[in-house]
PDB file of N, CA and C in Angstrom:
ATOM      1  N   MET A   1     -10.553 -14.361 -26.990  1.00  0.00           N
ATOM      2  CA  MET A   1     -10.189 -13.267 -26.116  1.00  0.00           C
ATOM      3  C   MET A   1     -11.398 -12.355 -25.952  1.00  0.00           C
ATOM      4  N   ASP A   2     -11.715 -12.020 -24.684  1.00  0.00           N
ATOM      5  CA  ASP A   2     -12.828 -11.120 -24.397  1.00  0.00           C
ATOM      6  C   ASP A   2     -12.398  -9.684 -24.638  1.00  0.00           C
ATOM      7  N   GLU A   3     -13.220  -8.981 -25.376  1.00  0.00           N
ATOM      8  CA  GLU A   3     -12.953  -7.570 -25.609  1.00  0.00           C
ATOM      9  C   GLU A   3     -13.890  -6.752 -24.737  1.00  0.00           C
ATOM     10  N   LYS A   4     -13.346  -5.740 -24.108  1.00  0.00           N
ATOM     11  CA  LYS A   4     -14.141  -4.876 -23.247  1.00  0.00           C
ATOM     12  C   LYS A   4     -14.314  -3.531 -23.932  1.00  0.00           C
ATOM     13  N   PRO A   5     -15.466  -2.895 -23.715  1.00  0.00           N
ATOM     14  CA  PRO A   5     -15.640  -1.555 -24.277  1.00  0.00           C
ATOM     15  C   PRO A   5     -14.602  -0.601 -23.694  1.00  0.00           C
ATOM     16  N   LEU A   6     -14.145   0.285 -24.510  1.00  0.00           N
ATOM     17  CA  LEU A   6     -13.087   1.205 -24.122  1.00  0.00           C
ATOM     18  C   LEU A   6     -13.592   2.325 -23.201  1.00  0.00           C
ATOM     19  N   LYS A   7     -14.827   2.731 -23.327  1.00  0.00           N
ATOM     20  CA  LYS A   7     -15.348   3.860 -22.545  1.00  0.00           C
ATOM     21  C   LYS A   7     -15.240   3.656 -21.034  1.00  0.00           C
ATOM     22  N   PRO A   8     -15.685   2.504 -20.459  1.00  0.00           N
ATOM     23  CA  PRO A   8     -15.542   2.347 -18.997  1.00  0.00           C
ATOM     24  C   PRO A   8     -14.093   2.324 -18.534  1.00  0.00           C
ATOM     25  N   ILE A   9     -13.230   1.766 -19.333  1.00  0.00           N
ATOM     26  CA  ILE A   9     -11.804   1.726 -18.978  1.00  0.00           C
ATOM     27  C   ILE A   9     -11.236   3.136 -18.934  1.00  0.00           C
ATOM     28  N   LEU A  10     -11.544   3.923 -19.944  1.00  0.00           N
ATOM     29  CA  LEU A  10     -11.060   5.307 -19.985  1.00  0.00           C
ATOM     30  C   LEU A  10     -11.671   6.149 -18.872  1.00  0.00           C
ATOM     31  N   ASN A  11     -12.949   5.938 -18.575  1.00  0.00           N
ATOM     32  CA  ASN A  11     -13.581   6.685 -17.478  1.00  0.00           C
ATOM     33  C   ASN A  11     -12.891   6.405 -16.150  1.00  0.00           C
ATOM     34  N   ASN A  12     -12.582   5.129 -15.879  1.00  0.00           N
ATOM     35  CA  ASN A  12     -11.868   4.782 -14.644  1.00  0.00           C
ATOM     36  C   ASN A  12     -10.482   5.392 -14.613  1.00  0.00           C
ATOM     37  N   LEU A  13      -9.811   5.367 -15.742  1.00  0.00           N
ATOM     38  CA  LEU A  13      -8.465   5.933 -15.833  1.00  0.00           C
ATOM     39  C   LEU A  13      -8.488   7.425 -15.547  1.00  0.00           C
ATOM     40  N   PHE A  14      -9.392   8.146 -16.196  1.00  0.00           N
ATOM     41  CA  PHE A  14      -9.457   9.592 -15.992  1.00  0.00           C
ATOM     42  C   PHE A  14      -9.908   9.945 -14.577  1.00  0.00           C
ATOM     43  N   ALA A  15     -10.787   9.169 -14.000  1.00  0.00           N
ATOM     44  CA  ALA A  15     -11.221   9.418 -12.624  1.00  0.00           C
ATOM     45  C   ALA A  15     -10.063   9.255 -11.650  1.00  0.00           C
ATOM     46  N   SER A  16      -9.249   8.219 -11.859  1.00  0.00           N
ATOM     47  CA  SER A  16      -8.114   8.017 -10.951  1.00  0.00           C
ATOM     48  C   SER A  16      -7.039   9.078 -11.150  1.00  0.00           C
ATOM     49  N   LEU A  17      -6.888   9.566 -12.384  1.00  0.00           N
ATOM     50  CA  LEU A  17      -5.910  10.629 -12.627  1.00  0.00           C
ATOM     51  C   LEU A  17      -6.359  11.959 -12.025  1.00  0.00           C
ATOM     52  N   ALA A  18      -7.648  12.175 -11.957  1.00  0.00           N
ATOM     53  CA  ALA A  18      -8.172  13.430 -11.433  1.00  0.00           C
ATOM     54  C   ALA A  18      -8.103  13.487  -9.909  1.00  0.00           C
ATOM     55  N   ASN A  19      -8.020  12.351  -9.247  1.00  0.00           N
ATOM     56  CA  ASN A  19      -8.033  12.309  -7.789  1.00  0.00           C
ATOM     57  C   ASN A  19      -6.636  11.996  -7.263  1.00  0.00           C
ATOM     58  N   PRO A  20      -5.935  12.992  -6.705  1.00  0.00           N
ATOM     59  CA  PRO A  20      -4.562  12.757  -6.231  1.00  0.00           C
ATOM     60  C   PRO A  20      -4.479  11.728  -5.107  1.00  0.00           C
ATOM     61  N   GLU A  21      -5.486  11.671  -4.239  1.00  0.00           N
ATOM     62  CA  GLU A  21      -5.475  10.673  -3.161  1.00  0.00           C
ATOM     63  C   GLU A  21      -5.556   9.266  -3.742  1.00  0.00           C
ATOM     64  N   GLN A  22      -6.383   9.090  -4.752  1.00  0.00           N
ATOM     65  CA  GLN A  22      -6.497   7.784  -5.396  1.00  0.00           C
ATOM     66  C   GLN A  22      -5.183   7.394  -6.059  1.00  0.00           C
ATOM     67  N   ARG A  23      -4.512   8.360  -6.681  1.00  0.00           N
ATOM     68  CA  ARG A  23      -3.211   8.072  -7.303  1.00  0.00           C
ATOM     69  C   ARG A  23      -2.198   7.636  -6.253  1.00  0.00           C
ATOM     70  N   LYS A  24      -2.226   8.299  -5.093  1.00  0.00           N
ATOM     71  CA  LYS A  24      -1.299   7.960  -4.016  1.00  0.00           C
ATOM     72  C   LYS A  24      -1.560   6.537  -3.515  1.00  0.00           C
ATOM     73  N   HIS A  25      -2.830   6.194  -3.327  1.00  0.00           N
ATOM     74  CA  HIS A  25      -3.176   4.844  -2.876  1.00  0.00           C
ATOM     75  C   HIS A  25      -2.796   3.801  -3.928  1.00  0.00           C
ATOM     76  N   SER A  26      -3.013   4.127  -5.186  1.00  0.00           N
ATOM     77  CA  SER A  26      -2.645   3.196  -6.266  1.00  0.00           C
ATOM     78  C   SER A  26      -1.136   3.007  -6.334  1.00  0.00           C
ATOM     79  N   ALA A  27      -0.405   4.097  -6.163  1.00  0.00           N
ATOM     80  CA  ALA A  27       1.061   4.001  -6.192  1.00  0.00           C
ATOM     81  C   ALA A  27       1.564   3.132  -5.047  1.00  0.00           C
ATOM     82  N   LEU A  28       0.961   3.279  -3.877  1.00  0.00           N
ATOM     83  CA  LEU A  28       1.355   2.449  -2.737  1.00  0.00           C
ATOM     84  C   LEU A  28       1.047   0.977  -3.003  1.00  0.00           C
ATOM     85  N   ALA A  29      -0.132   0.705  -3.535  1.00  0.00           N
ATOM     86  CA  ALA A  29      -0.512  -0.676  -3.840  1.00  0.00           C
ATOM     87  C   ALA A  29       0.419  -1.285  -4.886  1.00  0.00           C
ATOM     88  N   ASP A  30       0.833  -0.493  -5.857  1.00  0.00           N
ATOM     89  CA  ASP A  30       1.746  -0.985  -6.892  1.00  0.00           C
ATOM     90  C   ASP A  30       3.154  -1.212  -6.351  1.00  0.00           C
ATOM     91  N   PHE A  31       3.592  -0.343  -5.451  1.00  0.00           N
ATOM     92  CA  PHE A  31       4.956  -0.410  -4.925  1.00  0.00           C
ATOM     93  C   PHE A  31       5.115  -1.467  -3.829  1.00  0.00           C
ATOM     94  N   TRP A  32       4.055  -1.745  -3.085  1.00  0.00           N
ATOM     95  CA  TRP A  32       4.140  -2.621  -1.924  1.00  0.00           C
ATOM     96  C   TRP A  32       4.736  -4.003  -2.216  1.00  0.00           C
ATOM     97  N   PRO A  33       4.334  -4.730  -3.258  1.00  0.00           N
ATOM     98  CA  PRO A  33       4.943  -6.051  -3.499  1.00  0.00           C
ATOM     99  C   PRO A  33       6.456  -5.988  -3.718  1.00  0.00           C
ATOM    100  N   LYS A  34       6.929  -4.927  -4.369  1.00  0.00           N
ATOM    101  CA  LYS A  34       8.380  -4.775  -4.563  1.00  0.00           C
ATOM    102  C   LYS A  34       9.071  -4.490  -3.244  1.00  0.00           C
ATOM    103  N   LEU A  35       8.399  -3.733  -2.408  1.00  0.00           N
ATOM    104  CA  LEU A  35       8.961  -3.343  -1.126  1.00  0.00           C
ATOM    105  C   LEU A  35       8.948  -4.482  -0.116  1.00  0.00           C
ATOM    106  N   ALA A  36       7.796  -5.117   0.042  1.00  0.00           N
ATOM    107  CA  ALA A  36       7.624  -6.130   1.082  1.00  0.00           C
ATOM    108  C   ALA A  36       7.985  -7.536   0.626  1.00  0.00           C
ATOM    109  N   GLY A  37       8.045  -7.758  -0.655  1.00  0.00           N
ATOM    110  CA  GLY A  37       8.324  -9.089  -1.165  1.00  0.00           C
ATOM    111  C   GLY A  37       7.039  -9.878  -1.387  1.00  0.00           C
ATOM    112  N   ASN A  38       7.147 -10.910  -2.160  1.00  0.00           N
ATOM    113  CA  ASN A  38       5.983 -11.702  -2.557  1.00  0.00           C
ATOM    114  C   ASN A  38       5.262 -12.327  -1.372  1.00  0.00           C
ATOM    115  N   TYR A  39       5.998 -12.933  -0.454  1.00  0.00           N
ATOM    116  CA  TYR A  39       5.365 -13.623   0.677  1.00  0.00           C
ATOM    117  C   TYR A  39       4.567 -12.646   1.544  1.00  0.00           C
ATOM    118  N   PHE A  40       5.219 -11.564   1.986  1.00  0.00           N
ATOM    119  CA  PHE A  40       4.547 -10.617   2.871  1.00  0.00           C
ATOM    120  C   PHE A  40       3.419  -9.879   2.153  1.00  0.00           C
ATOM    121  N   SER A  41       3.602  -9.576   0.881  1.00  0.00           N
ATOM    122  CA  SER A  41       2.556  -8.831   0.182  1.00  0.00           C
ATOM    123  C   SER A  41       1.285  -9.660   0.003  1.00  0.00           C
ATOM    124  N   GLN A  42       1.394 -10.977   0.013  1.00  0.00           N
ATOM    125  CA  GLN A  42       0.210 -11.832  -0.072  1.00  0.00           C
ATOM    126  C   GLN A  42      -0.605 -11.800   1.216  1.00  0.00           C
ATOM    127  N   HIS A  43       0.016 -11.432   2.315  1.00  0.00           N
ATOM    128  CA  HIS A  43      -0.642 -11.448   3.623  1.00  0.00           C
ATOM    129  C   HIS A  43      -0.934 -10.051   4.162  1.00  0.00           C
ATOM    130  N   THR A  44      -0.710  -9.023   3.344  1.00  0.00           N
ATOM    131  CA  THR A  44      -0.846  -7.656   3.822  1.00  0.00           C
ATOM    132  C   THR A  44      -1.581  -6.770   2.822  1.00  0.00           C
ATOM    133  N   LYS A  45      -2.095  -5.664   3.346  1.00  0.00           N
ATOM    134  CA  LYS A  45      -2.693  -4.638   2.494  1.00  0.00           C
ATOM    135  C   LYS A  45      -2.405  -3.283   3.121  1.00  0.00           C
ATOM    136  N   PRO A  46      -1.567  -2.473   2.466  1.00  0.00           N
ATOM    137  CA  PRO A  46      -1.224  -1.158   3.011  1.00  0.00           C
ATOM    138  C   PRO A  46      -2.204  -0.088   2.540  1.00  0.00           C
ATOM    139  N   ARG A  47      -2.379   0.932   3.379  1.00  0.00           N
ATOM    140  CA  ARG A  47      -3.223   2.078   3.033  1.00  0.00           C
ATOM    141  C   ARG A  47      -2.618   3.327   3.664  1.00  0.00           C
ATOM    142  N   PHE A  48      -2.716   4.446   2.951  1.00  0.00           N
ATOM    143  CA  PHE A  48      -2.354   5.717   3.548  1.00  0.00           C
ATOM    144  C   PHE A  48      -3.434   6.108   4.536  1.00  0.00           C
ATOM    145  N   ALA A  49      -3.035   6.607   5.677  1.00  0.00           N
ATOM    146  CA  ALA A  49      -3.954   7.099   6.694  1.00  0.00           C
ATOM    147  C   ALA A  49      -3.616   8.565   6.954  1.00  0.00           C
ATOM    148  N   PRO A  50      -4.510   9.301   7.575  1.00  0.00           N
ATOM    149  CA  PRO A  50      -4.226  10.715   7.864  1.00  0.00           C
ATOM    150  C   PRO A  50      -2.959  10.888   8.712  1.00  0.00           C
ATOM    151  N   GLY A  51      -2.331  12.015   8.535  1.00  0.00           N
ATOM    152  CA  GLY A  51      -1.169  12.355   9.345  1.00  0.00           C
ATOM    153  C   GLY A  51       0.121  11.711   8.892  1.00  0.00           C
ATOM    154  N   GLY A  52       0.184  11.273   7.649  1.00  0.00           N
ATOM    155  CA  GLY A  52       1.411  10.671   7.154  1.00  0.00           C
ATOM    156  C   GLY A  52       1.670   9.263   7.640  1.00  0.00           C
ATOM    157  N   LYS A  53       0.623   8.616   8.106  1.00  0.00           N
ATOM    158  CA  LYS A  53       0.771   7.235   8.575  1.00  0.00           C
ATOM    159  C   LYS A  53       0.364   6.274   7.465  1.00  0.00           C
ATOM    160  N   ILE A  54       1.048   5.170   7.421  1.00  0.00           N
ATOM    161  CA  ILE A  54       0.642   4.071   6.551  1.00  0.00           C
ATOM    162  C   ILE A  54       0.222   2.937   7.463  1.00  0.00           C
ATOM    163  N   THR A  55      -0.995   2.492   7.294  1.00  0.00           N
ATOM    164  CA  THR A  55      -1.481   1.344   8.059  1.00  0.00           C
ATOM    165  C   THR A  55      -1.414   0.124   7.160  1.00  0.00           C
ATOM    166  N   VAL A  56      -0.940  -0.952   7.717  1.00  0.00           N
ATOM    167  CA  VAL A  56      -0.831  -2.196   6.973  1.00  0.00           C
ATOM    168  C   VAL A  56      -1.663  -3.240   7.701  1.00  0.00           C
ATOM    169  N   TRP A  57      -2.692  -3.706   7.036  1.00  0.00           N
ATOM    170  CA  TRP A  57      -3.508  -4.780   7.592  1.00  0.00           C
ATOM    171  C   TRP A  57      -2.842  -6.099   7.256  1.00  0.00           C
ATOM    172  N   VAL A  58      -2.706  -6.948   8.255  1.00  0.00           N
ATOM    173  CA  VAL A  58      -2.009  -8.217   8.125  1.00  0.00           C
ATOM    174  C   VAL A  58      -2.963  -9.329   8.549  1.00  0.00           C
ATOM    175  N   ASP A  59      -3.016 -10.402   7.765  1.00  0.00           N
ATOM    176  CA  ASP A  59      -3.991 -11.463   8.043  1.00  0.00           C
ATOM    177  C   ASP A  59      -3.504 -12.503   9.045  1.00  0.00           C
ATOM    178  N   ASP A  60      -2.320 -12.318   9.599  1.00  0.00           N
ATOM    179  CA  ASP A  60      -1.766 -13.292  10.539  1.00  0.00           C
ATOM    180  C   ASP A  60      -0.970 -12.545  11.610  1.00  0.00           C
ATOM    181  N   SER A  61      -1.238 -12.846  12.869  1.00  0.00           N
ATOM    182  CA  SER A  61      -0.584 -12.119  13.963  1.00  0.00           C
ATOM    183  C   SER A  61       0.923 -12.363  14.013  1.00  0.00           C
ATOM    184  N   THR A  62       1.360 -13.553  13.667  1.00  0.00           N
ATOM    185  CA  THR A  62       2.800 -13.847  13.672  1.00  0.00           C
ATOM    186  C   THR A  62       3.522 -13.016  12.620  1.00  0.00           C
ATOM    187  N   ILE A  63       2.923 -12.900  11.459  1.00  0.00           N
ATOM    188  CA  ILE A  63       3.522 -12.090  10.389  1.00  0.00           C
ATOM    189  C   ILE A  63       3.519 -10.621  10.793  1.00  0.00           C
ATOM    190  N   ALA A  64       2.430 -10.156  11.405  1.00  0.00           N
ATOM    191  CA  ALA A  64       2.362  -8.766  11.855  1.00  0.00           C
ATOM    192  C   ALA A  64       3.456  -8.478  12.874  1.00  0.00           C
ATOM    193  N   PHE A  65       3.660  -9.392  13.796  1.00  0.00           N
ATOM    194  CA  PHE A  65       4.706  -9.215  14.798  1.00  0.00           C
ATOM    195  C   PHE A  65       6.080  -9.167  14.146  1.00  0.00           C
ATOM    196  N   GLU A  66       6.337 -10.070  13.225  1.00  0.00           N
ATOM    197  CA  GLU A  66       7.633 -10.094  12.544  1.00  0.00           C
ATOM    198  C   GLU A  66       7.867  -8.811  11.752  1.00  0.00           C
ATOM    199  N   LEU A  67       6.849  -8.353  11.041  1.00  0.00           N
ATOM    200  CA  LEU A  67       6.987  -7.118  10.278  1.00  0.00           C
ATOM    201  C   LEU A  67       7.252  -5.928  11.187  1.00  0.00           C
ATOM    202  N   SER A  68       6.526  -5.843  12.288  1.00  0.00           N
ATOM    203  CA  SER A  68       6.680  -4.676  13.161  1.00  0.00           C
ATOM    204  C   SER A  68       7.986  -4.695  13.941  1.00  0.00           C
ATOM    205  N   GLN A  69       8.450  -5.871  14.324  1.00  0.00           N
ATOM    206  CA  GLN A  69       9.660  -5.959  15.138  1.00  0.00           C
ATOM    207  C   GLN A  69      10.945  -6.048  14.321  1.00  0.00           C
ATOM    208  N   ARG A  70      10.869  -6.726  13.199  1.00  0.00           N
ATOM    209  CA  ARG A  70      12.097  -7.011  12.454  1.00  0.00           C
ATOM    210  C   ARG A  70      12.279  -6.133  11.221  1.00  0.00           C
ATOM    211  N   TYR A  71      11.185  -5.822  10.525  1.00  0.00           N
ATOM    212  CA  TYR A  71      11.295  -5.178   9.215  1.00  0.00           C
ATOM    213  C   TYR A  71      10.806  -3.737   9.170  1.00  0.00           C
ATOM    214  N   LYS A  72      10.172  -3.257  10.216  1.00  0.00           N
ATOM    215  CA  LYS A  72       9.585  -1.917  10.179  1.00  0.00           C
ATOM    216  C   LYS A  72      10.593  -0.826   9.813  1.00  0.00           C
ATOM    217  N   PRO A  73      11.770  -0.766  10.430  1.00  0.00           N
ATOM    218  CA  PRO A  73      12.699   0.320  10.080  1.00  0.00           C
ATOM    219  C   PRO A  73      13.077   0.345   8.594  1.00  0.00           C
ATOM    220  N   VAL A  74      13.321  -0.809   8.027  1.00  0.00           N
ATOM    221  CA  VAL A  74      13.714  -0.877   6.615  1.00  0.00           C
ATOM    222  C   VAL A  74      12.534  -0.499   5.717  1.00  0.00           C
ATOM    223  N   LEU A  75      11.353  -1.034   6.034  1.00  0.00           N
ATOM    224  CA  LEU A  75      10.168  -0.719   5.239  1.00  0.00           C
ATOM    225  C   LEU A  75       9.853   0.772   5.311  1.00  0.00           C
ATOM    226  N   LEU A  76       9.930   1.338   6.498  1.00  0.00           N
ATOM    227  CA  LEU A  76       9.639   2.762   6.670  1.00  0.00           C
ATOM    228  C   LEU A  76      10.623   3.624   5.886  1.00  0.00           C
ATOM    229  N   LYS A  77      11.878   3.277   5.923  1.00  0.00           N
ATOM    230  CA  LYS A  77      12.899   4.035   5.180  1.00  0.00           C
ATOM    231  C   LYS A  77      12.632   3.971   3.680  1.00  0.00           C
ATOM    232  N   ARG A  78      12.309   2.799   3.172  1.00  0.00           N
ATOM    233  CA  ARG A  78      12.030   2.656   1.739  1.00  0.00           C
ATOM    234  C   ARG A  78      10.764   3.412   1.332  1.00  0.00           C
ATOM    235  N   LEU A  79       9.750   3.382   2.199  1.00  0.00           N
ATOM    236  CA  LEU A  79       8.525   4.129   1.907  1.00  0.00           C
ATOM    237  C   LEU A  79       8.798   5.628   1.873  1.00  0.00           C
ATOM    238  N   LYS A  80       9.605   6.126   2.810  1.00  0.00           N
ATOM    239  CA  LYS A  80       9.960   7.543   2.815  1.00  0.00           C
ATOM    240  C   LYS A  80      10.750   7.914   1.564  1.00  0.00           C
ATOM    241  N   ASN A  81      11.645   7.033   1.148  1.00  0.00           N
ATOM    242  CA  ASN A  81      12.412   7.288  -0.071  1.00  0.00           C
ATOM    243  C   ASN A  81      11.499   7.329  -1.297  1.00  0.00           C
ATOM    244  N   GLN A  82      10.503   6.490  -1.326  1.00  0.00           N
ATOM    245  CA  GLN A  82       9.603   6.401  -2.474  1.00  0.00           C
ATOM    246  C   GLN A  82       8.596   7.555  -2.509  1.00  0.00           C
ATOM    247  N   PHE A  83       8.004   7.876  -1.360  1.00  0.00           N
ATOM    248  CA  PHE A  83       6.901   8.835  -1.334  1.00  0.00           C
ATOM    249  C   PHE A  83       7.249  10.184  -0.701  1.00  0.00           C
ATOM    250  N   GLY A  84       8.394  10.263  -0.048  1.00  0.00           N
ATOM    251  CA  GLY A  84       8.816  11.520   0.553  1.00  0.00           C
ATOM    252  C   GLY A  84       8.582  11.558   2.057  1.00  0.00           C
ATOM    253  N   GLU A  85       9.462  12.277   2.729  1.00  0.00           N
ATOM    254  CA  GLU A  85       9.390  12.391   4.186  1.00  0.00           C
ATOM    255  C   GLU A  85       8.091  13.066   4.637  1.00  0.00           C
ATOM    256  N   GLU A  86       7.549  13.979   3.813  1.00  0.00           N
ATOM    257  CA  GLU A  86       6.329  14.680   4.187  1.00  0.00           C
ATOM    258  C   GLU A  86       5.111  13.765   4.125  1.00  0.00           C
ATOM    259  N   GLN A  87       5.145  12.805   3.230  1.00  0.00           N
ATOM    260  CA  GLN A  87       3.995  11.921   3.021  1.00  0.00           C
ATOM    261  C   GLN A  87       3.982  10.726   3.969  1.00  0.00           C
ATOM    262  N   VAL A  88       5.168  10.296   4.430  1.00  0.00           N
ATOM    263  CA  VAL A  88       5.266   9.090   5.262  1.00  0.00           C
ATOM    264  C   VAL A  88       5.967   9.435   6.567  1.00  0.00           C
ATOM    265  N   LYS A  89       5.220   9.380   7.644  1.00  0.00           N
ATOM    266  CA  LYS A  89       5.769   9.678   8.974  1.00  0.00           C
ATOM    267  C   LYS A  89       5.907   8.425   9.837  1.00  0.00           C
ATOM    268  N   ASP A  90       4.977   7.476   9.659  1.00  0.00           N
ATOM    269  CA  ASP A  90       4.979   6.288  10.508  1.00  0.00           C
ATOM    270  C   ASP A  90       4.353   5.128   9.755  1.00  0.00           C
ATOM    271  N   LEU A  91       4.652   3.953  10.226  1.00  0.00           N
ATOM    272  CA  LEU A  91       4.155   2.707   9.638  1.00  0.00           C
ATOM    273  C   LEU A  91       3.603   1.864  10.778  1.00  0.00           C
ATOM    274  N   ARG A  92       2.340   1.465  10.642  1.00  0.00           N
ATOM    275  CA  ARG A  92       1.697   0.682  11.700  1.00  0.00           C
ATOM    276  C   ARG A  92       1.093  -0.591  11.110  1.00  0.00           C
ATOM    277  N   PHE A  93       1.152  -1.638  11.899  1.00  0.00           N
ATOM    278  CA  PHE A  93       0.616  -2.943  11.480  1.00  0.00           C
ATOM    279  C   PHE A  93      -0.553  -3.318  12.353  1.00  0.00           C
ATOM    280  N   PHE A  94      -1.618  -3.775  11.718  1.00  0.00           N
ATOM    281  CA  PHE A  94      -2.824  -4.210  12.426  1.00  0.00           C
ATOM    282  C   PHE A  94      -3.213  -5.594  11.925  1.00  0.00           C
ATOM    283  N   VAL A  95      -3.627  -6.423  12.841  1.00  0.00           N
ATOM    284  CA  VAL A  95      -4.079  -7.771  12.465  1.00  0.00           C
ATOM    285  C   VAL A  95      -5.563  -7.701  12.162  1.00  0.00           C
ATOM    286  N   GLY A  96      -5.919  -8.267  11.043  1.00  0.00           N
ATOM    287  CA  GLY A  96      -7.323  -8.289  10.651  1.00  0.00           C
ATOM    288  C   GLY A  96      -7.470  -8.895   9.268  1.00  0.00           C
ATOM    289  N   GLU A  97      -8.674  -8.855   8.816  1.00  0.00           N
ATOM    290  CA  GLU A  97      -8.996  -9.402   7.498  1.00  0.00           C
ATOM    291  C   GLU A  97      -8.534  -8.404   6.434  1.00  0.00           C
ATOM    292  N   ILE A  98      -7.835  -8.897   5.438  1.00  0.00           N
ATOM    293  CA  ILE A  98      -7.442  -8.024   4.336  1.00  0.00           C
ATOM    294  C   ILE A  98      -8.469  -8.175   3.231  1.00  0.00           C
ATOM    295  N   ARG A  99      -8.868  -7.049   2.686  1.00  0.00           N
ATOM    296  CA  ARG A  99      -9.907  -7.039   1.635  1.00  0.00           C
ATOM    297  C   ARG A  99      -9.377  -6.438   0.385  1.00  0.00           C
TER     298      ARG A  99
END
């Protein structure tokens, strides 16, 4: 088993705790697979955007279309329940490379 020094791990932890935006992005990344399911979460990457928007990059246009037409209302409602009405105003899907 590889052992890693504790200092870099703790530095990353404290840096993420000190930055509320980073915590919000991490919470979204952690919650997304539960929300979208295993299949969709493998093809998507959500991010908070200014103005209470969540942008979801999707690696396939067919999946993006299905998410936006069929699942958007349910996903948006669950995101609002999780993060609050003030934090989530809209959900948008874009086709592109997920990184």
